[in-house]
N, C-alpha and C. Protein backbone atom coordinates (compact mmCIF):
# COMPACT_ATOMS: atom_id res chain seq x y z
N MET A 1 12.50 -17.36 -37.89
CA MET A 1 11.69 -18.06 -36.88
C MET A 1 10.42 -18.58 -37.51
N ARG A 2 10.07 -19.84 -37.30
CA ARG A 2 8.85 -20.40 -37.84
C ARG A 2 7.66 -19.86 -37.09
N VAL A 3 6.68 -19.33 -37.78
CA VAL A 3 5.52 -18.69 -37.16
C VAL A 3 4.33 -19.63 -37.22
N PRO A 4 3.67 -19.94 -36.11
CA PRO A 4 2.52 -20.84 -36.12
C PRO A 4 1.36 -20.24 -36.87
N PHE A 5 0.42 -21.10 -37.24
CA PHE A 5 -0.72 -20.65 -38.04
C PHE A 5 -1.64 -19.72 -37.28
N VAL A 6 -1.45 -19.61 -35.96
CA VAL A 6 -2.35 -18.79 -35.17
C VAL A 6 -1.98 -17.33 -35.16
N VAL A 7 -1.02 -16.93 -36.02
CA VAL A 7 -0.63 -15.52 -36.09
C VAL A 7 -1.74 -14.71 -36.74
N LEU A 8 -2.05 -13.56 -36.11
CA LEU A 8 -2.98 -12.61 -36.69
C LEU A 8 -2.17 -11.40 -37.09
N VAL A 9 -2.28 -10.96 -38.32
CA VAL A 9 -1.48 -9.84 -38.79
C VAL A 9 -2.34 -8.61 -38.92
N SER A 10 -1.90 -7.54 -38.28
CA SER A 10 -2.62 -6.28 -38.37
C SER A 10 -1.82 -5.35 -39.26
N LEU A 11 -2.14 -5.35 -40.57
CA LEU A 11 -1.37 -4.55 -41.51
C LEU A 11 -1.54 -3.07 -41.26
N ALA A 12 -2.74 -2.67 -40.79
CA ALA A 12 -3.01 -1.26 -40.56
C ALA A 12 -2.07 -0.70 -39.52
N LEU A 13 -1.72 -1.52 -38.51
CA LEU A 13 -0.85 -1.04 -37.44
C LEU A 13 0.61 -1.30 -37.75
N GLY A 14 0.89 -2.07 -38.80
CA GLY A 14 2.26 -2.41 -39.11
C GLY A 14 2.88 -3.28 -38.04
N ALA A 15 2.08 -4.11 -37.37
CA ALA A 15 2.59 -4.95 -36.29
C ALA A 15 2.05 -6.35 -36.45
N THR A 16 2.81 -7.32 -36.01
CA THR A 16 2.36 -8.70 -36.05
C THR A 16 1.91 -9.10 -34.66
N LEU A 17 0.73 -9.70 -34.59
CA LEU A 17 0.16 -10.10 -33.32
C LEU A 17 0.06 -11.60 -33.29
N VAL A 18 0.78 -12.23 -32.39
CA VAL A 18 0.76 -13.68 -32.28
C VAL A 18 -0.20 -14.08 -31.20
N ALA A 19 -1.07 -15.05 -31.48
CA ALA A 19 -2.09 -15.42 -30.52
C ALA A 19 -1.50 -15.99 -29.26
N GLN A 20 -0.24 -16.43 -29.32
CA GLN A 20 0.40 -16.98 -28.13
C GLN A 20 1.27 -15.96 -27.43
N ALA A 21 1.26 -14.71 -27.87
CA ALA A 21 2.03 -13.67 -27.22
C ALA A 21 1.43 -12.32 -27.55
N PRO A 22 1.26 -11.44 -26.54
CA PRO A 22 0.68 -10.12 -26.79
C PRO A 22 1.60 -9.28 -27.65
N PRO A 23 1.04 -8.23 -28.27
CA PRO A 23 1.87 -7.32 -29.05
C PRO A 23 2.92 -6.66 -28.18
N LYS A 24 4.04 -6.33 -28.81
CA LYS A 24 5.17 -5.80 -28.05
C LYS A 24 5.63 -4.48 -28.63
N PRO A 25 6.13 -3.57 -27.80
CA PRO A 25 6.75 -2.36 -28.33
C PRO A 25 7.89 -2.73 -29.27
N ALA A 26 8.20 -1.86 -30.21
CA ALA A 26 9.05 -2.22 -31.33
C ALA A 26 10.53 -2.38 -30.99
N ALA A 27 11.07 -1.57 -30.11
CA ALA A 27 12.52 -1.57 -29.94
C ALA A 27 12.91 -1.67 -28.48
N LYS A 28 14.05 -2.34 -28.24
CA LYS A 28 14.58 -2.44 -26.88
C LYS A 28 15.34 -1.16 -26.55
N PRO A 29 14.97 -0.49 -25.43
CA PRO A 29 15.71 0.71 -25.05
C PRO A 29 17.07 0.39 -24.46
N ALA A 30 17.87 1.42 -24.25
CA ALA A 30 19.20 1.22 -23.66
C ALA A 30 19.07 0.81 -22.20
N ALA A 31 20.13 0.23 -21.67
CA ALA A 31 20.12 -0.24 -20.28
C ALA A 31 19.90 0.91 -19.32
N PRO A 32 19.15 0.66 -18.22
CA PRO A 32 18.89 1.72 -17.24
C PRO A 32 20.12 2.04 -16.42
N ALA A 33 20.10 3.23 -15.82
CA ALA A 33 21.23 3.63 -14.99
C ALA A 33 21.36 2.73 -13.78
N SER A 34 20.23 2.28 -13.25
CA SER A 34 20.25 1.41 -12.08
C SER A 34 19.19 0.34 -12.22
N ALA A 35 19.57 -0.90 -11.94
CA ALA A 35 18.61 -1.99 -12.03
C ALA A 35 18.47 -2.69 -10.68
N ARG A 36 18.64 -1.93 -9.62
CA ARG A 36 18.52 -2.54 -8.29
C ARG A 36 17.09 -2.96 -8.04
N PRO A 37 16.87 -4.23 -7.64
CA PRO A 37 15.51 -4.65 -7.37
C PRO A 37 14.92 -3.93 -6.17
N LYS A 38 13.61 -3.70 -6.20
CA LYS A 38 12.92 -3.06 -5.10
C LYS A 38 12.50 -4.10 -4.07
N ALA A 39 12.38 -3.69 -2.83
CA ALA A 39 11.88 -4.59 -1.80
C ALA A 39 10.39 -4.82 -1.98
N PRO A 40 9.89 -6.03 -1.70
CA PRO A 40 8.46 -6.28 -1.82
C PRO A 40 7.67 -5.38 -0.89
N ALA A 41 6.41 -5.15 -1.26
CA ALA A 41 5.53 -4.35 -0.40
C ALA A 41 5.30 -5.08 0.92
N PRO A 42 5.05 -4.35 2.00
CA PRO A 42 4.82 -4.99 3.29
C PRO A 42 3.67 -5.97 3.23
N ALA A 43 3.80 -7.05 4.00
CA ALA A 43 2.75 -8.07 4.03
C ALA A 43 1.43 -7.45 4.47
N GLY A 44 0.38 -7.91 3.85
CA GLY A 44 -0.95 -7.43 4.22
C GLY A 44 -1.42 -6.24 3.42
N LYS A 45 -0.52 -5.56 2.71
CA LYS A 45 -0.91 -4.41 1.89
C LYS A 45 -1.08 -4.87 0.45
N THR A 46 -2.27 -4.68 -0.06
CA THR A 46 -2.57 -5.08 -1.43
C THR A 46 -3.14 -3.89 -2.16
N PRO A 47 -2.31 -3.08 -2.80
CA PRO A 47 -2.81 -1.93 -3.53
C PRO A 47 -3.79 -2.34 -4.63
N VAL A 48 -4.73 -1.47 -4.90
CA VAL A 48 -5.77 -1.73 -5.90
C VAL A 48 -5.74 -0.61 -6.94
N PHE A 49 -5.71 -0.99 -8.21
CA PHE A 49 -5.83 -0.03 -9.30
C PHE A 49 -7.28 0.05 -9.74
N THR A 50 -7.76 1.27 -9.92
CA THR A 50 -9.10 1.50 -10.48
C THR A 50 -8.91 2.14 -11.84
N ILE A 51 -9.30 1.41 -12.88
CA ILE A 51 -9.13 1.86 -14.26
C ILE A 51 -10.50 2.32 -14.76
N VAL A 52 -10.66 3.62 -14.94
CA VAL A 52 -11.92 4.18 -15.43
C VAL A 52 -11.80 4.37 -16.93
N THR A 53 -12.69 3.73 -17.68
CA THR A 53 -12.65 3.80 -19.13
C THR A 53 -13.94 4.39 -19.68
N ALA A 54 -13.96 4.60 -20.98
CA ALA A 54 -15.14 5.15 -21.63
C ALA A 54 -16.33 4.19 -21.54
N LYS A 55 -16.07 2.93 -21.24
CA LYS A 55 -17.14 1.93 -21.21
C LYS A 55 -17.40 1.35 -19.84
N GLY A 56 -16.75 1.92 -18.81
CA GLY A 56 -16.98 1.44 -17.46
C GLY A 56 -15.68 1.35 -16.67
N THR A 57 -15.78 0.81 -15.47
CA THR A 57 -14.65 0.77 -14.54
C THR A 57 -14.16 -0.66 -14.32
N ILE A 58 -12.84 -0.80 -14.30
CA ILE A 58 -12.19 -2.08 -14.05
C ILE A 58 -11.37 -1.94 -12.77
N VAL A 59 -11.54 -2.87 -11.84
CA VAL A 59 -10.80 -2.85 -10.58
C VAL A 59 -9.81 -4.01 -10.58
N VAL A 60 -8.55 -3.71 -10.23
CA VAL A 60 -7.48 -4.70 -10.28
C VAL A 60 -6.79 -4.81 -8.93
N GLU A 61 -6.77 -6.01 -8.37
CA GLU A 61 -5.94 -6.29 -7.20
C GLU A 61 -4.52 -6.51 -7.68
N THR A 62 -3.54 -5.83 -7.10
CA THR A 62 -2.17 -5.96 -7.57
C THR A 62 -1.37 -6.94 -6.72
N PHE A 63 -0.23 -7.38 -7.29
CA PHE A 63 0.63 -8.37 -6.65
C PHE A 63 2.05 -7.81 -6.51
N PRO A 64 2.26 -6.84 -5.63
CA PRO A 64 3.60 -6.24 -5.50
C PRO A 64 4.68 -7.23 -5.16
N GLY A 65 4.35 -8.24 -4.37
CA GLY A 65 5.36 -9.21 -3.95
C GLY A 65 5.84 -10.12 -5.07
N ASP A 66 5.01 -10.29 -6.11
CA ASP A 66 5.40 -11.15 -7.23
C ASP A 66 6.42 -10.47 -8.14
N ALA A 67 6.27 -9.17 -8.30
CA ALA A 67 7.12 -8.42 -9.24
C ALA A 67 7.36 -7.03 -8.67
N PRO A 68 8.16 -6.92 -7.62
CA PRO A 68 8.29 -5.65 -6.91
C PRO A 68 8.79 -4.49 -7.75
N ARG A 69 9.82 -4.72 -8.57
CA ARG A 69 10.33 -3.60 -9.36
C ARG A 69 9.34 -3.20 -10.45
N SER A 70 8.73 -4.19 -11.09
CA SER A 70 7.75 -3.91 -12.13
C SER A 70 6.55 -3.17 -11.55
N PHE A 71 6.08 -3.62 -10.41
CA PHE A 71 4.94 -2.96 -9.78
C PHE A 71 5.28 -1.52 -9.42
N GLU A 72 6.45 -1.30 -8.83
CA GLU A 72 6.84 0.05 -8.42
C GLU A 72 6.94 0.98 -9.63
N HIS A 73 7.40 0.44 -10.74
CA HIS A 73 7.50 1.24 -11.96
C HIS A 73 6.11 1.71 -12.41
N ILE A 74 5.16 0.78 -12.47
CA ILE A 74 3.80 1.12 -12.88
C ILE A 74 3.13 2.02 -11.85
N LEU A 75 3.35 1.74 -10.58
CA LEU A 75 2.77 2.56 -9.52
C LEU A 75 3.22 4.01 -9.64
N LYS A 76 4.50 4.21 -9.93
CA LYS A 76 5.03 5.57 -10.09
C LYS A 76 4.31 6.28 -11.24
N LEU A 77 4.07 5.57 -12.33
CA LEU A 77 3.38 6.17 -13.48
C LEU A 77 1.93 6.49 -13.14
N VAL A 78 1.28 5.59 -12.42
CA VAL A 78 -0.11 5.83 -12.02
C VAL A 78 -0.21 7.07 -11.15
N LYS A 79 0.70 7.20 -10.19
CA LYS A 79 0.68 8.36 -9.29
C LYS A 79 0.96 9.66 -10.02
N LYS A 80 1.67 9.58 -11.16
CA LYS A 80 1.95 10.77 -11.97
C LYS A 80 0.83 11.05 -12.98
N HIS A 81 -0.23 10.23 -12.95
CA HIS A 81 -1.36 10.37 -13.89
C HIS A 81 -0.92 10.15 -15.34
N PHE A 82 0.10 9.31 -15.51
CA PHE A 82 0.65 9.02 -16.83
C PHE A 82 -0.40 8.45 -17.78
N TYR A 83 -1.31 7.62 -17.25
CA TYR A 83 -2.28 6.92 -18.10
C TYR A 83 -3.54 7.73 -18.39
N ASP A 84 -3.76 8.79 -17.62
CA ASP A 84 -5.01 9.54 -17.75
C ASP A 84 -5.13 10.15 -19.15
N GLY A 85 -6.25 9.90 -19.81
CA GLY A 85 -6.50 10.45 -21.13
C GLY A 85 -5.92 9.66 -22.28
N GLN A 86 -5.21 8.58 -21.97
CA GLN A 86 -4.73 7.71 -23.04
C GLN A 86 -5.90 6.90 -23.62
N ARG A 87 -5.60 6.13 -24.66
CA ARG A 87 -6.62 5.28 -25.29
C ARG A 87 -6.11 3.85 -25.44
N VAL A 88 -7.04 2.94 -25.54
CA VAL A 88 -6.69 1.57 -25.89
C VAL A 88 -6.06 1.59 -27.27
N HIS A 89 -4.91 0.96 -27.43
CA HIS A 89 -4.27 1.00 -28.74
C HIS A 89 -4.30 -0.33 -29.47
N ARG A 90 -4.69 -1.41 -28.80
CA ARG A 90 -4.76 -2.69 -29.49
C ARG A 90 -5.66 -3.66 -28.74
N THR A 91 -6.45 -4.39 -29.49
CA THR A 91 -7.27 -5.46 -28.91
C THR A 91 -7.20 -6.67 -29.82
N VAL A 92 -7.39 -7.84 -29.24
CA VAL A 92 -7.61 -9.07 -29.99
C VAL A 92 -8.85 -9.69 -29.38
N ALA A 93 -9.90 -9.82 -30.17
CA ALA A 93 -11.20 -10.26 -29.65
C ALA A 93 -11.07 -11.56 -28.87
N GLY A 94 -11.57 -11.53 -27.63
CA GLY A 94 -11.57 -12.71 -26.80
C GLY A 94 -10.22 -13.09 -26.24
N GLN A 95 -9.19 -12.27 -26.47
CA GLN A 95 -7.85 -12.63 -26.02
C GLN A 95 -7.18 -11.57 -25.15
N LEU A 96 -7.13 -10.31 -25.60
CA LEU A 96 -6.46 -9.29 -24.81
C LEU A 96 -6.93 -7.90 -25.20
N VAL A 97 -6.72 -6.97 -24.28
CA VAL A 97 -6.89 -5.54 -24.54
C VAL A 97 -5.66 -4.85 -23.97
N GLN A 98 -5.05 -3.95 -24.74
CA GLN A 98 -3.76 -3.37 -24.37
C GLN A 98 -3.80 -1.84 -24.41
N PHE A 99 -3.08 -1.24 -23.47
CA PHE A 99 -3.03 0.22 -23.34
C PHE A 99 -1.72 0.61 -22.68
N GLY A 100 -1.46 1.93 -22.61
CA GLY A 100 -0.25 2.40 -21.94
C GLY A 100 0.71 3.16 -22.83
N ASP A 101 0.25 3.54 -24.03
CA ASP A 101 1.07 4.31 -24.96
C ASP A 101 0.62 5.77 -24.93
N PRO A 102 1.48 6.71 -24.50
CA PRO A 102 1.08 8.11 -24.44
C PRO A 102 0.78 8.73 -25.80
N GLN A 103 1.25 8.11 -26.88
CA GLN A 103 0.96 8.60 -28.22
C GLN A 103 -0.54 8.54 -28.54
N THR A 104 -1.26 7.71 -27.79
CA THR A 104 -2.69 7.52 -28.08
C THR A 104 -3.53 8.74 -27.72
N ARG A 105 -2.94 9.72 -27.05
CA ARG A 105 -3.67 10.96 -26.81
C ARG A 105 -3.82 11.77 -28.10
N ASN A 106 -3.05 11.43 -29.10
CA ASN A 106 -3.06 12.14 -30.38
C ASN A 106 -3.63 11.21 -31.45
N MET A 107 -4.85 11.49 -31.90
CA MET A 107 -5.48 10.65 -32.92
C MET A 107 -4.72 10.69 -34.24
N MET A 108 -3.96 11.74 -34.48
CA MET A 108 -3.19 11.86 -35.71
C MET A 108 -2.04 10.84 -35.77
N LEU A 109 -1.69 10.27 -34.61
CA LEU A 109 -0.60 9.30 -34.56
C LEU A 109 -1.10 7.87 -34.49
N SER A 110 -2.35 7.63 -34.85
CA SER A 110 -2.96 6.30 -34.65
C SER A 110 -2.20 5.19 -35.37
N ASP A 111 -1.53 5.51 -36.48
CA ASP A 111 -0.75 4.49 -37.19
C ASP A 111 0.48 4.06 -36.40
N GLN A 112 0.89 4.87 -35.42
CA GLN A 112 2.08 4.55 -34.63
C GLN A 112 1.75 4.01 -33.25
N TRP A 113 0.47 4.00 -32.90
CA TRP A 113 0.10 3.57 -31.56
C TRP A 113 0.68 2.18 -31.23
N GLY A 114 1.25 2.10 -30.04
CA GLY A 114 1.76 0.83 -29.55
C GLY A 114 3.18 0.51 -29.94
N ARG A 115 3.81 1.35 -30.74
CA ARG A 115 5.17 1.04 -31.18
C ARG A 115 5.98 2.33 -31.35
N GLY A 116 7.28 2.15 -31.44
CA GLY A 116 8.16 3.28 -31.65
C GLY A 116 8.71 3.85 -30.35
N PRO A 117 9.68 4.76 -30.45
CA PRO A 117 10.34 5.30 -29.26
C PRO A 117 9.44 6.11 -28.35
N GLY A 118 8.32 6.62 -28.88
CA GLY A 118 7.42 7.41 -28.04
C GLY A 118 6.29 6.63 -27.43
N SER A 119 6.35 5.29 -27.49
CA SER A 119 5.23 4.46 -27.07
C SER A 119 5.26 4.03 -25.61
N GLY A 120 6.15 4.63 -24.83
CA GLY A 120 6.24 4.31 -23.41
C GLY A 120 6.67 5.52 -22.61
N SER A 121 7.09 5.27 -21.38
CA SER A 121 7.53 6.37 -20.52
C SER A 121 8.97 6.75 -20.78
N GLY A 122 9.70 5.87 -21.47
CA GLY A 122 11.10 6.12 -21.75
C GLY A 122 12.04 5.46 -20.76
N GLU A 123 11.49 4.73 -19.80
CA GLU A 123 12.33 4.05 -18.79
C GLU A 123 11.79 2.64 -18.62
N PHE A 124 12.60 1.63 -18.92
CA PHE A 124 12.09 0.28 -18.79
C PHE A 124 12.44 -0.32 -17.44
N ILE A 125 11.90 -1.51 -17.18
CA ILE A 125 11.99 -2.12 -15.84
C ILE A 125 13.44 -2.47 -15.46
N GLY A 126 14.12 -3.18 -16.35
CA GLY A 126 15.53 -3.51 -16.09
C GLY A 126 15.76 -4.90 -15.53
N VAL A 127 14.72 -5.55 -15.04
CA VAL A 127 14.83 -6.93 -14.55
C VAL A 127 13.60 -7.71 -15.03
N ALA A 128 13.80 -9.01 -15.23
CA ALA A 128 12.70 -9.89 -15.63
C ALA A 128 12.10 -10.52 -14.38
N GLU A 129 10.83 -10.24 -14.13
CA GLU A 129 10.16 -10.76 -12.94
C GLU A 129 8.96 -11.61 -13.38
N TYR A 130 9.03 -12.90 -13.10
CA TYR A 130 7.94 -13.81 -13.47
C TYR A 130 7.32 -14.40 -12.21
N SER A 131 6.01 -14.38 -12.16
CA SER A 131 5.30 -14.86 -10.98
C SER A 131 5.39 -16.38 -10.84
N LYS A 132 5.64 -16.83 -9.62
CA LYS A 132 5.62 -18.27 -9.32
C LYS A 132 4.29 -18.69 -8.72
N THR A 133 3.45 -17.71 -8.42
CA THR A 133 2.19 -18.01 -7.73
C THR A 133 0.95 -17.69 -8.55
N HIS A 134 1.09 -16.87 -9.59
CA HIS A 134 -0.06 -16.49 -10.42
C HIS A 134 0.21 -16.83 -11.88
N LYS A 135 -0.85 -17.19 -12.57
CA LYS A 135 -0.79 -17.56 -13.98
C LYS A 135 -1.66 -16.61 -14.81
N HIS A 136 -1.50 -16.70 -16.11
CA HIS A 136 -2.32 -15.89 -17.01
C HIS A 136 -3.69 -16.55 -17.19
N VAL A 137 -4.64 -16.03 -16.44
CA VAL A 137 -6.02 -16.48 -16.51
C VAL A 137 -6.87 -15.30 -16.99
N ARG A 138 -8.15 -15.51 -17.14
CA ARG A 138 -9.03 -14.42 -17.53
C ARG A 138 -8.94 -13.29 -16.49
N GLY A 139 -8.61 -12.10 -16.95
CA GLY A 139 -8.52 -10.95 -16.06
C GLY A 139 -7.13 -10.63 -15.55
N THR A 140 -6.13 -11.41 -15.91
CA THR A 140 -4.77 -11.12 -15.47
C THR A 140 -4.26 -9.83 -16.11
N LEU A 141 -3.62 -8.98 -15.30
CA LEU A 141 -2.99 -7.75 -15.80
C LEU A 141 -1.49 -7.98 -15.87
N SER A 142 -0.93 -7.83 -17.07
CA SER A 142 0.50 -8.08 -17.29
C SER A 142 1.11 -6.93 -18.08
N LEU A 143 2.44 -6.96 -18.16
CA LEU A 143 3.19 -5.93 -18.88
C LEU A 143 3.66 -6.46 -20.22
N ALA A 144 3.38 -5.70 -21.29
CA ALA A 144 3.89 -6.04 -22.62
C ALA A 144 5.38 -5.78 -22.65
N ASN A 145 6.09 -6.48 -23.54
CA ASN A 145 7.53 -6.25 -23.66
C ASN A 145 7.97 -6.50 -25.10
N PRO A 146 9.15 -5.96 -25.49
CA PRO A 146 9.63 -6.10 -26.86
C PRO A 146 10.62 -7.23 -27.06
N GLY A 147 10.54 -8.27 -26.22
CA GLY A 147 11.45 -9.39 -26.39
C GLY A 147 12.12 -9.83 -25.11
N GLY A 148 11.56 -9.47 -23.99
CA GLY A 148 12.09 -9.85 -22.68
C GLY A 148 11.44 -8.99 -21.62
N ALA A 149 11.05 -9.59 -20.50
CA ALA A 149 10.33 -8.84 -19.47
C ALA A 149 11.15 -7.68 -18.92
N GLN A 150 12.47 -7.78 -18.99
CA GLN A 150 13.31 -6.68 -18.50
C GLN A 150 13.14 -5.41 -19.32
N TYR A 151 12.60 -5.53 -20.54
CA TYR A 151 12.40 -4.38 -21.40
C TYR A 151 10.98 -3.82 -21.34
N ALA A 152 10.16 -4.34 -20.44
CA ALA A 152 8.80 -3.81 -20.29
C ALA A 152 8.87 -2.38 -19.76
N ASP A 153 7.86 -1.58 -20.12
CA ASP A 153 7.79 -0.19 -19.65
C ASP A 153 6.37 0.08 -19.19
N SER A 154 5.64 0.93 -19.91
CA SER A 154 4.33 1.38 -19.45
C SER A 154 3.16 0.61 -20.04
N GLN A 155 3.38 -0.13 -21.12
CA GLN A 155 2.26 -0.80 -21.78
C GLN A 155 1.82 -2.04 -20.99
N MET A 156 0.51 -2.13 -20.77
CA MET A 156 -0.08 -3.24 -20.04
C MET A 156 -1.18 -3.88 -20.87
N PHE A 157 -1.49 -5.13 -20.57
CA PHE A 157 -2.61 -5.79 -21.23
C PHE A 157 -3.39 -6.61 -20.21
N ILE A 158 -4.68 -6.73 -20.47
CA ILE A 158 -5.57 -7.57 -19.67
C ILE A 158 -5.91 -8.81 -20.49
N ALA A 159 -5.64 -9.98 -19.95
CA ALA A 159 -5.99 -11.23 -20.62
C ALA A 159 -7.50 -11.44 -20.53
N LEU A 160 -8.12 -11.76 -21.65
CA LEU A 160 -9.56 -11.98 -21.68
C LEU A 160 -9.92 -13.46 -21.61
N LYS A 161 -8.90 -14.32 -21.63
CA LYS A 161 -9.13 -15.75 -21.45
C LYS A 161 -7.83 -16.35 -20.90
N PRO A 162 -7.86 -17.56 -20.35
CA PRO A 162 -6.62 -18.17 -19.88
C PRO A 162 -5.63 -18.35 -21.03
N MET A 163 -4.38 -17.95 -20.79
CA MET A 163 -3.33 -18.07 -21.81
C MET A 163 -2.06 -18.60 -21.13
N PRO A 164 -2.01 -19.90 -20.83
CA PRO A 164 -0.84 -20.45 -20.14
C PRO A 164 0.46 -20.29 -20.91
N VAL A 165 0.39 -20.14 -22.25
CA VAL A 165 1.63 -19.97 -23.02
C VAL A 165 2.31 -18.63 -22.72
N TRP A 166 1.61 -17.72 -22.06
CA TRP A 166 2.22 -16.45 -21.68
C TRP A 166 2.97 -16.54 -20.36
N ASP A 167 2.72 -17.59 -19.58
CA ASP A 167 3.39 -17.73 -18.29
C ASP A 167 4.90 -17.84 -18.50
N GLY A 168 5.66 -17.09 -17.71
CA GLY A 168 7.10 -17.10 -17.85
C GLY A 168 7.62 -16.26 -19.00
N LYS A 169 6.72 -15.52 -19.67
CA LYS A 169 7.14 -14.63 -20.76
C LYS A 169 6.77 -13.17 -20.48
N TYR A 170 5.72 -12.98 -19.70
CA TYR A 170 5.23 -11.63 -19.42
C TYR A 170 5.04 -11.48 -17.91
N THR A 171 5.35 -10.29 -17.41
CA THR A 171 5.29 -10.03 -15.98
C THR A 171 3.86 -9.75 -15.54
N ILE A 172 3.37 -10.56 -14.61
CA ILE A 172 2.03 -10.40 -14.05
C ILE A 172 2.12 -9.44 -12.87
N ILE A 173 1.26 -8.40 -12.87
CA ILE A 173 1.26 -7.48 -11.74
C ILE A 173 -0.10 -7.39 -11.04
N GLY A 174 -1.12 -8.08 -11.56
CA GLY A 174 -2.41 -7.99 -10.89
C GLY A 174 -3.47 -8.85 -11.54
N GLN A 175 -4.67 -8.80 -10.95
CA GLN A 175 -5.81 -9.59 -11.40
C GLN A 175 -7.08 -8.75 -11.28
N VAL A 176 -7.86 -8.72 -12.35
CA VAL A 176 -9.14 -8.00 -12.33
C VAL A 176 -10.08 -8.68 -11.33
N THR A 177 -10.63 -7.90 -10.41
CA THR A 177 -11.60 -8.41 -9.45
C THR A 177 -13.00 -7.91 -9.74
N SER A 178 -13.11 -6.88 -10.56
CA SER A 178 -14.41 -6.32 -10.93
C SER A 178 -14.27 -5.61 -12.27
N GLY A 179 -15.24 -5.84 -13.17
CA GLY A 179 -15.25 -5.11 -14.43
C GLY A 179 -14.64 -5.84 -15.60
N ILE A 180 -14.46 -7.16 -15.50
CA ILE A 180 -13.87 -7.87 -16.64
C ILE A 180 -14.78 -7.77 -17.87
N ALA A 181 -16.09 -7.66 -17.65
CA ALA A 181 -17.01 -7.49 -18.79
C ALA A 181 -16.77 -6.16 -19.50
N VAL A 182 -16.29 -5.17 -18.76
CA VAL A 182 -15.92 -3.89 -19.37
C VAL A 182 -14.72 -4.09 -20.29
N ALA A 183 -13.73 -4.84 -19.81
CA ALA A 183 -12.55 -5.13 -20.64
C ALA A 183 -12.95 -5.84 -21.93
N ASP A 184 -13.92 -6.73 -21.84
CA ASP A 184 -14.39 -7.45 -23.03
C ASP A 184 -14.91 -6.49 -24.10
N LYS A 185 -15.49 -5.38 -23.66
CA LYS A 185 -16.15 -4.45 -24.60
C LYS A 185 -15.21 -3.38 -25.15
N LEU A 186 -14.03 -3.24 -24.58
CA LEU A 186 -13.13 -2.18 -25.02
C LEU A 186 -12.63 -2.42 -26.44
N ALA A 187 -12.52 -1.34 -27.20
CA ALA A 187 -12.05 -1.39 -28.57
C ALA A 187 -10.93 -0.37 -28.77
N LYS A 188 -10.19 -0.52 -29.84
CA LYS A 188 -9.13 0.45 -30.15
C LYS A 188 -9.73 1.85 -30.22
N GLY A 189 -9.08 2.78 -29.52
CA GLY A 189 -9.54 4.17 -29.51
C GLY A 189 -10.39 4.53 -28.31
N ASP A 190 -10.86 3.53 -27.55
CA ASP A 190 -11.64 3.83 -26.34
C ASP A 190 -10.72 4.47 -25.30
N GLN A 191 -11.21 5.49 -24.65
CA GLN A 191 -10.38 6.27 -23.74
C GLN A 191 -10.22 5.63 -22.37
N ILE A 192 -9.00 5.72 -21.85
CA ILE A 192 -8.71 5.42 -20.45
C ILE A 192 -8.80 6.75 -19.73
N THR A 193 -9.94 7.00 -19.09
CA THR A 193 -10.14 8.29 -18.43
C THR A 193 -9.11 8.52 -17.34
N SER A 194 -8.89 7.50 -16.51
CA SER A 194 -7.91 7.62 -15.44
C SER A 194 -7.57 6.24 -14.87
N ILE A 195 -6.41 6.17 -14.28
CA ILE A 195 -6.03 5.01 -13.44
C ILE A 195 -5.58 5.58 -12.11
N THR A 196 -6.20 5.13 -11.04
CA THR A 196 -5.84 5.58 -9.69
C THR A 196 -5.51 4.37 -8.84
N VAL A 197 -4.86 4.62 -7.70
CA VAL A 197 -4.49 3.54 -6.81
C VAL A 197 -4.93 3.85 -5.40
N THR A 198 -5.36 2.81 -4.69
CA THR A 198 -5.65 2.91 -3.26
C THR A 198 -4.87 1.81 -2.55
N GLY A 199 -4.54 2.07 -1.29
CA GLY A 199 -3.84 1.07 -0.49
C GLY A 199 -2.37 1.02 -0.71
N ALA A 200 -1.81 2.00 -1.43
CA ALA A 200 -0.37 2.04 -1.67
C ALA A 200 0.28 3.13 -0.82
N PRO A 201 1.51 2.90 -0.35
CA PRO A 201 2.19 3.94 0.45
C PRO A 201 2.51 5.17 -0.38
């Protein structure tokens, strides 16, 4: 595949980061036992994620109706406190900040952060859900994937600037409504103290 000149290579992480696509987990997992799509959330209910980090709090309005199965997958992880105590595992200045790898709780595994079989919850979405109403703008919360939105799992990224080339490639599940300046300041290794949800059944 011909790689554009905008590729940034992170040799320390052993991963290639393309400016037109966020970093992706390394391998596609096996097919899920069930890939039945979930029903959209009831009209009028807009769950909100509160992401508390070492550098401040980020509030995200979610879009369950745009990506119901993807949202339900992340919601289940949030309710299980899956993200609490994890760390940011990758950033690209002015472009994205990414988190959602449970390996980041172990500083000894920093060379593996963001990739490998232990870099997610172990259960991927199973369907590709692309928003028809929302685009990748500054503050968009989307799911990273290893080569198709159906393979997304727990890793998420916040866009720090508009990235229309990501539309139709990554599943959008929300938009930052408060704290985008906090996202700008996050660096690799900064802790995600907790992610909680309000307004969800």
